[in-house]
Amino acid sequence: MTSSDVDTYVETKLDPKYREIVAALRALMADTAPGATECLTYGSPAWRGKKILAVISQSKTHLTFAFERGTEFADAHGLLEGVGKKTRHVKIKTLEGINETALRDYITQAVGLDQH
């Protein structure tokens, strides 16, 4: 489910160079986590099941696609970064830099953990 709040964020706050990447991530989340609700959290696009599953944030050099319970994931792809107690993220610099197989795996794990 897409959110008009996220649409507004993309149009007004997101650096235009990241629009295609965010569109691809939104489509990936809609396909892989169809029960998740798209929302804004802390001013950034996010997806919520029972709790927050994933959040997109932008920096000057890349987008961060963060998973709220990423420390609990099996990281067979070796892409997760971060040192916090819960969250892990993937840095994405280009549309071609999206590893769809890995992200589908991480999203599926996030949804599975959210069920418990």
N, C-alpha and C. Protein backbone atom coordinates (compact mmCIF):
# COMPACT_ATOMS: atom_id res chain seq x y z
N MET A 1 0.84 -1.17 0.00
CA MET A 1 0.00 0.00 0.00
C MET A 1 0.89 1.24 0.00
N THR A 2 0.69 2.12 -0.95
CA THR A 2 1.49 3.35 -0.99
C THR A 2 0.79 4.43 -0.17
N SER A 3 1.56 5.41 0.21
CA SER A 3 1.07 6.46 1.07
C SER A 3 1.23 7.81 0.39
N SER A 4 0.19 8.65 0.48
CA SER A 4 0.30 9.99 -0.09
C SER A 4 1.36 10.81 0.66
N ASP A 5 1.58 10.51 1.94
CA ASP A 5 2.63 11.20 2.70
C ASP A 5 4.00 10.90 2.09
N VAL A 6 4.21 9.64 1.70
CA VAL A 6 5.49 9.27 1.09
C VAL A 6 5.59 9.88 -0.30
N ASP A 7 4.49 9.90 -1.04
CA ASP A 7 4.49 10.56 -2.35
C ASP A 7 4.93 12.01 -2.21
N THR A 8 4.38 12.71 -1.22
CA THR A 8 4.73 14.11 -0.98
C THR A 8 6.20 14.24 -0.61
N TYR A 9 6.70 13.34 0.24
CA TYR A 9 8.12 13.35 0.62
C TYR A 9 9.00 13.22 -0.63
N VAL A 10 8.67 12.26 -1.49
CA VAL A 10 9.46 12.03 -2.71
C VAL A 10 9.47 13.29 -3.58
N GLU A 11 8.32 13.94 -3.69
CA GLU A 11 8.21 15.12 -4.54
C GLU A 11 8.88 16.36 -3.95
N THR A 12 8.88 16.49 -2.63
CA THR A 12 9.32 17.75 -2.03
C THR A 12 10.63 17.68 -1.25
N LYS A 13 10.99 16.51 -0.72
CA LYS A 13 12.16 16.44 0.16
C LYS A 13 13.27 15.54 -0.35
N LEU A 14 12.94 14.61 -1.21
CA LEU A 14 13.95 13.66 -1.69
C LEU A 14 14.78 14.28 -2.81
N ASP A 15 16.09 14.11 -2.73
CA ASP A 15 16.97 14.56 -3.81
C ASP A 15 16.52 13.85 -5.09
N PRO A 16 16.26 14.59 -6.17
CA PRO A 16 15.77 13.97 -7.42
C PRO A 16 16.65 12.82 -7.93
N LYS A 17 17.93 12.84 -7.63
CA LYS A 17 18.80 11.77 -8.11
C LYS A 17 18.46 10.42 -7.48
N TYR A 18 17.68 10.43 -6.40
CA TYR A 18 17.31 9.18 -5.72
C TYR A 18 15.90 8.69 -6.04
N ARG A 19 15.16 9.43 -6.84
CA ARG A 19 13.74 9.08 -7.07
C ARG A 19 13.55 7.70 -7.67
N GLU A 20 14.37 7.34 -8.66
CA GLU A 20 14.23 6.02 -9.28
C GLU A 20 14.55 4.91 -8.29
N ILE A 21 15.54 5.13 -7.45
CA ILE A 21 15.91 4.12 -6.45
C ILE A 21 14.77 3.94 -5.46
N VAL A 22 14.21 5.05 -4.97
CA VAL A 22 13.11 4.96 -4.01
C VAL A 22 11.90 4.31 -4.65
N ALA A 23 11.62 4.62 -5.91
CA ALA A 23 10.50 3.97 -6.60
C ALA A 23 10.72 2.46 -6.67
N ALA A 24 11.95 2.04 -6.96
CA ALA A 24 12.26 0.61 -7.03
C ALA A 24 12.11 -0.05 -5.66
N LEU A 25 12.57 0.63 -4.59
CA LEU A 25 12.44 0.07 -3.25
C LEU A 25 10.98 0.00 -2.81
N ARG A 26 10.20 1.00 -3.18
CA ARG A 26 8.76 0.98 -2.85
C ARG A 26 8.08 -0.19 -3.55
N ALA A 27 8.42 -0.42 -4.80
CA ALA A 27 7.83 -1.54 -5.55
C ALA A 27 8.26 -2.87 -4.94
N LEU A 28 9.52 -2.96 -4.56
CA LEU A 28 10.04 -4.19 -3.96
C LEU A 28 9.33 -4.47 -2.63
N MET A 29 9.14 -3.46 -1.81
CA MET A 29 8.43 -3.64 -0.55
C MET A 29 6.97 -4.02 -0.79
N ALA A 30 6.32 -3.38 -1.75
CA ALA A 30 4.91 -3.70 -2.04
C ALA A 30 4.76 -5.14 -2.48
N ASP A 31 5.73 -5.63 -3.25
CA ASP A 31 5.69 -6.99 -3.76
C ASP A 31 6.07 -8.02 -2.69
N THR A 32 7.09 -7.72 -1.90
CA THR A 32 7.64 -8.69 -0.96
C THR A 32 6.96 -8.63 0.41
N ALA A 33 6.44 -7.47 0.78
CA ALA A 33 5.76 -7.30 2.07
C ALA A 33 4.41 -6.63 1.83
N PRO A 34 3.51 -7.32 1.11
CA PRO A 34 2.24 -6.68 0.72
C PRO A 34 1.36 -6.26 1.90
N GLY A 35 1.55 -6.87 3.05
CA GLY A 35 0.74 -6.50 4.21
C GLY A 35 1.27 -5.31 4.98
N ALA A 36 2.46 -4.83 4.62
CA ALA A 36 3.06 -3.69 5.33
C ALA A 36 2.41 -2.39 4.88
N THR A 37 2.32 -1.47 5.79
CA THR A 37 1.76 -0.15 5.50
C THR A 37 2.90 0.84 5.31
N GLU A 38 2.85 1.57 4.21
CA GLU A 38 3.86 2.60 3.95
C GLU A 38 3.50 3.83 4.77
N CYS A 39 4.52 4.44 5.39
CA CYS A 39 4.28 5.60 6.25
C CYS A 39 5.55 6.45 6.31
N LEU A 40 5.47 7.54 7.04
CA LEU A 40 6.67 8.32 7.35
C LEU A 40 6.99 8.10 8.83
N THR A 41 8.24 7.88 9.14
CA THR A 41 8.68 7.81 10.53
C THR A 41 9.94 8.65 10.65
N TYR A 42 9.96 9.52 11.63
CA TYR A 42 11.07 10.47 11.79
C TYR A 42 11.35 11.22 10.50
N GLY A 43 10.29 11.50 9.73
CA GLY A 43 10.42 12.26 8.50
C GLY A 43 10.95 11.50 7.30
N SER A 44 11.08 10.17 7.42
CA SER A 44 11.59 9.35 6.31
C SER A 44 10.58 8.28 5.93
N PRO A 45 10.59 7.85 4.66
CA PRO A 45 9.71 6.77 4.23
C PRO A 45 10.01 5.48 5.00
N ALA A 46 8.95 4.79 5.40
CA ALA A 46 9.11 3.57 6.17
C ALA A 46 7.95 2.63 5.88
N TRP A 47 8.10 1.40 6.35
CA TRP A 47 7.04 0.39 6.23
C TRP A 47 6.81 -0.21 7.59
N ARG A 48 5.54 -0.37 7.93
CA ARG A 48 5.15 -0.87 9.23
C ARG A 48 4.30 -2.13 9.09
N GLY A 49 4.64 -3.12 9.89
CA GLY A 49 3.78 -4.28 10.09
C GLY A 49 3.19 -4.05 11.48
N LYS A 50 3.47 -4.97 12.42
CA LYS A 50 3.13 -4.70 13.81
C LYS A 50 4.02 -3.58 14.33
N LYS A 51 5.26 -3.58 13.88
CA LYS A 51 6.23 -2.54 14.21
C LYS A 51 6.91 -2.09 12.90
N ILE A 52 7.81 -1.13 12.99
CA ILE A 52 8.53 -0.67 11.80
C ILE A 52 9.40 -1.80 11.26
N LEU A 53 9.30 -2.05 9.95
CA LEU A 53 10.09 -3.08 9.28
C LEU A 53 11.36 -2.50 8.68
N ALA A 54 11.19 -1.41 7.91
CA ALA A 54 12.31 -0.84 7.16
C ALA A 54 12.10 0.66 6.99
N VAL A 55 13.22 1.38 6.84
CA VAL A 55 13.19 2.84 6.68
C VAL A 55 14.21 3.22 5.62
N ILE A 56 13.86 4.19 4.78
CA ILE A 56 14.80 4.75 3.81
C ILE A 56 15.23 6.12 4.31
N SER A 57 16.53 6.38 4.30
CA SER A 57 17.01 7.73 4.60
C SER A 57 18.06 8.10 3.56
N GLN A 58 18.16 9.39 3.31
CA GLN A 58 19.10 9.85 2.29
C GLN A 58 20.27 10.60 2.91
N SER A 59 21.41 10.49 2.25
CA SER A 59 22.57 11.30 2.60
C SER A 59 23.03 11.95 1.30
N LYS A 60 24.14 12.66 1.35
CA LYS A 60 24.63 13.30 0.12
C LYS A 60 25.16 12.30 -0.88
N THR A 61 25.62 11.13 -0.42
CA THR A 61 26.28 10.18 -1.32
C THR A 61 25.51 8.88 -1.58
N HIS A 62 24.48 8.60 -0.79
CA HIS A 62 23.76 7.34 -0.97
C HIS A 62 22.43 7.35 -0.21
N LEU A 63 21.63 6.32 -0.48
CA LEU A 63 20.44 6.06 0.32
C LEU A 63 20.78 4.93 1.28
N THR A 64 20.18 4.97 2.45
CA THR A 64 20.31 3.89 3.40
C THR A 64 18.95 3.21 3.51
N PHE A 65 18.93 1.91 3.30
CA PHE A 65 17.71 1.11 3.44
C PHE A 65 17.94 0.29 4.70
N ALA A 66 17.33 0.74 5.80
CA ALA A 66 17.61 0.16 7.12
C ALA A 66 16.48 -0.77 7.57
N PHE A 67 16.88 -1.83 8.23
CA PHE A 67 15.94 -2.82 8.77
C PHE A 67 15.97 -2.74 10.28
N GLU A 68 14.81 -2.49 10.86
CA GLU A 68 14.68 -2.24 12.30
C GLU A 68 15.23 -3.38 13.15
N ARG A 69 15.06 -4.62 12.70
CA ARG A 69 15.54 -5.78 13.48
C ARG A 69 16.67 -6.50 12.73
N GLY A 70 17.46 -5.73 12.02
CA GLY A 70 18.50 -6.30 11.17
C GLY A 70 19.55 -7.14 11.88
N THR A 71 19.79 -6.87 13.16
CA THR A 71 20.78 -7.68 13.88
C THR A 71 20.33 -9.12 14.05
N GLU A 72 19.02 -9.37 13.86
CA GLU A 72 18.49 -10.71 14.01
C GLU A 72 18.48 -11.49 12.69
N PHE A 73 18.87 -10.84 11.60
CA PHE A 73 18.85 -11.47 10.28
C PHE A 73 20.02 -12.44 10.11
N ALA A 74 19.78 -13.46 9.29
CA ALA A 74 20.87 -14.26 8.73
C ALA A 74 21.33 -13.48 7.50
N ASP A 75 22.60 -13.11 7.45
CA ASP A 75 23.09 -12.27 6.35
C ASP A 75 23.91 -13.09 5.36
N ALA A 76 23.24 -13.94 4.60
CA ALA A 76 23.91 -14.79 3.62
C ALA A 76 24.55 -13.98 2.49
N HIS A 77 24.10 -12.73 2.31
CA HIS A 77 24.57 -11.90 1.20
C HIS A 77 25.74 -10.99 1.61
N GLY A 78 25.95 -10.82 2.91
CA GLY A 78 27.07 -10.02 3.40
C GLY A 78 26.95 -8.54 3.12
N LEU A 79 25.73 -8.03 2.95
CA LEU A 79 25.54 -6.62 2.61
C LEU A 79 25.16 -5.73 3.78
N LEU A 80 24.73 -6.33 4.88
CA LEU A 80 24.25 -5.52 6.00
C LEU A 80 25.40 -4.84 6.73
N GLU A 81 25.20 -3.56 7.03
CA GLU A 81 26.18 -2.76 7.75
C GLU A 81 25.54 -2.17 8.99
N GLY A 82 26.37 -1.72 9.92
CA GLY A 82 25.87 -1.05 11.10
C GLY A 82 26.42 -1.66 12.36
N VAL A 83 26.40 -0.87 13.43
CA VAL A 83 26.97 -1.31 14.70
C VAL A 83 26.01 -1.15 15.87
N GLY A 84 24.80 -0.70 15.61
CA GLY A 84 23.83 -0.49 16.69
C GLY A 84 23.32 -1.80 17.27
N LYS A 85 22.50 -1.69 18.29
CA LYS A 85 21.98 -2.88 18.98
C LYS A 85 20.91 -3.61 18.18
N LYS A 86 20.19 -2.91 17.28
CA LYS A 86 19.08 -3.54 16.57
C LYS A 86 19.14 -3.39 15.05
N THR A 87 19.40 -2.20 14.58
CA THR A 87 19.25 -1.88 13.16
C THR A 87 20.48 -2.26 12.35
N ARG A 88 20.24 -2.73 11.13
CA ARG A 88 21.28 -2.93 10.13
C ARG A 88 20.77 -2.33 8.83
N HIS A 89 21.68 -1.90 7.97
CA HIS A 89 21.28 -1.23 6.75
C HIS A 89 22.13 -1.65 5.56
N VAL A 90 21.59 -1.33 4.39
CA VAL A 90 22.29 -1.51 3.12
C VAL A 90 22.41 -0.12 2.50
N LYS A 91 23.61 0.23 2.03
CA LYS A 91 23.81 1.50 1.33
C LYS A 91 23.57 1.28 -0.16
N ILE A 92 22.80 2.18 -0.77
CA ILE A 92 22.50 2.08 -2.20
C ILE A 92 22.85 3.41 -2.85
N LYS A 93 23.73 3.35 -3.85
CA LYS A 93 24.18 4.58 -4.52
C LYS A 93 23.54 4.76 -5.89
N THR A 94 23.20 3.65 -6.55
CA THR A 94 22.62 3.73 -7.90
C THR A 94 21.50 2.70 -8.03
N LEU A 95 20.64 2.92 -9.02
CA LEU A 95 19.57 1.96 -9.30
C LEU A 95 20.16 0.58 -9.60
N GLU A 96 21.26 0.58 -10.33
CA GLU A 96 21.93 -0.68 -10.68
C GLU A 96 22.56 -1.34 -9.46
N GLY A 97 22.77 -0.55 -8.41
CA GLY A 97 23.38 -1.07 -7.19
C GLY A 97 22.42 -1.82 -6.28
N ILE A 98 21.15 -1.91 -6.68
CA ILE A 98 20.17 -2.64 -5.88
C ILE A 98 20.35 -4.13 -6.11
N ASN A 99 20.64 -4.86 -5.07
CA ASN A 99 20.72 -6.32 -5.13
C ASN A 99 19.34 -6.84 -4.75
N GLU A 100 18.50 -7.05 -5.76
CA GLU A 100 17.10 -7.41 -5.51
C GLU A 100 16.97 -8.72 -4.76
N THR A 101 17.80 -9.70 -5.09
CA THR A 101 17.73 -10.99 -4.41
C THR A 101 18.00 -10.83 -2.92
N ALA A 102 19.06 -10.10 -2.58
CA ALA A 102 19.41 -9.87 -1.17
C ALA A 102 18.32 -9.08 -0.46
N LEU A 103 17.83 -8.01 -1.09
CA LEU A 103 16.82 -7.19 -0.43
C LEU A 103 15.53 -7.96 -0.22
N ARG A 104 15.13 -8.80 -1.19
CA ARG A 104 13.94 -9.63 -0.99
C ARG A 104 14.12 -10.55 0.22
N ASP A 105 15.32 -11.12 0.35
CA ASP A 105 15.62 -11.98 1.48
C ASP A 105 15.50 -11.19 2.79
N TYR A 106 16.11 -10.01 2.86
CA TYR A 106 16.07 -9.21 4.08
C TYR A 106 14.62 -8.79 4.41
N ILE A 107 13.88 -8.38 3.39
CA ILE A 107 12.49 -7.97 3.61
C ILE A 107 11.67 -9.15 4.13
N THR A 108 11.87 -10.32 3.52
CA THR A 108 11.16 -11.52 3.97
C THR A 108 11.49 -11.84 5.42
N GLN A 109 12.75 -11.70 5.80
CA GLN A 109 13.14 -11.92 7.18
C GLN A 109 12.51 -10.90 8.12
N ALA A 110 12.45 -9.64 7.69
CA ALA A 110 11.83 -8.59 8.51
C ALA A 110 10.36 -8.89 8.75
N VAL A 111 9.66 -9.31 7.71
CA VAL A 111 8.24 -9.66 7.83
C VAL A 111 8.08 -10.86 8.76
N GLY A 112 8.94 -11.87 8.61
CA GLY A 112 8.86 -13.05 9.46
C GLY A 112 9.07 -12.72 10.93
N LEU A 113 10.07 -11.89 11.23
CA LEU A 113 10.33 -11.49 12.62
C LEU A 113 9.18 -10.66 13.18
N ASP A 114 8.53 -9.89 12.32
CA ASP A 114 7.43 -9.03 12.76
C ASP A 114 6.22 -9.84 13.18
N GLN A 115 6.13 -11.07 12.72
CA GLN A 115 4.98 -11.93 13.06
C GLN A 115 5.06 -12.45 14.49
N HIS A 116 6.23 -12.38 15.10
CA HIS A 116 6.42 -12.95 16.45
C HIS A 116 6.51 -11.86 17.50
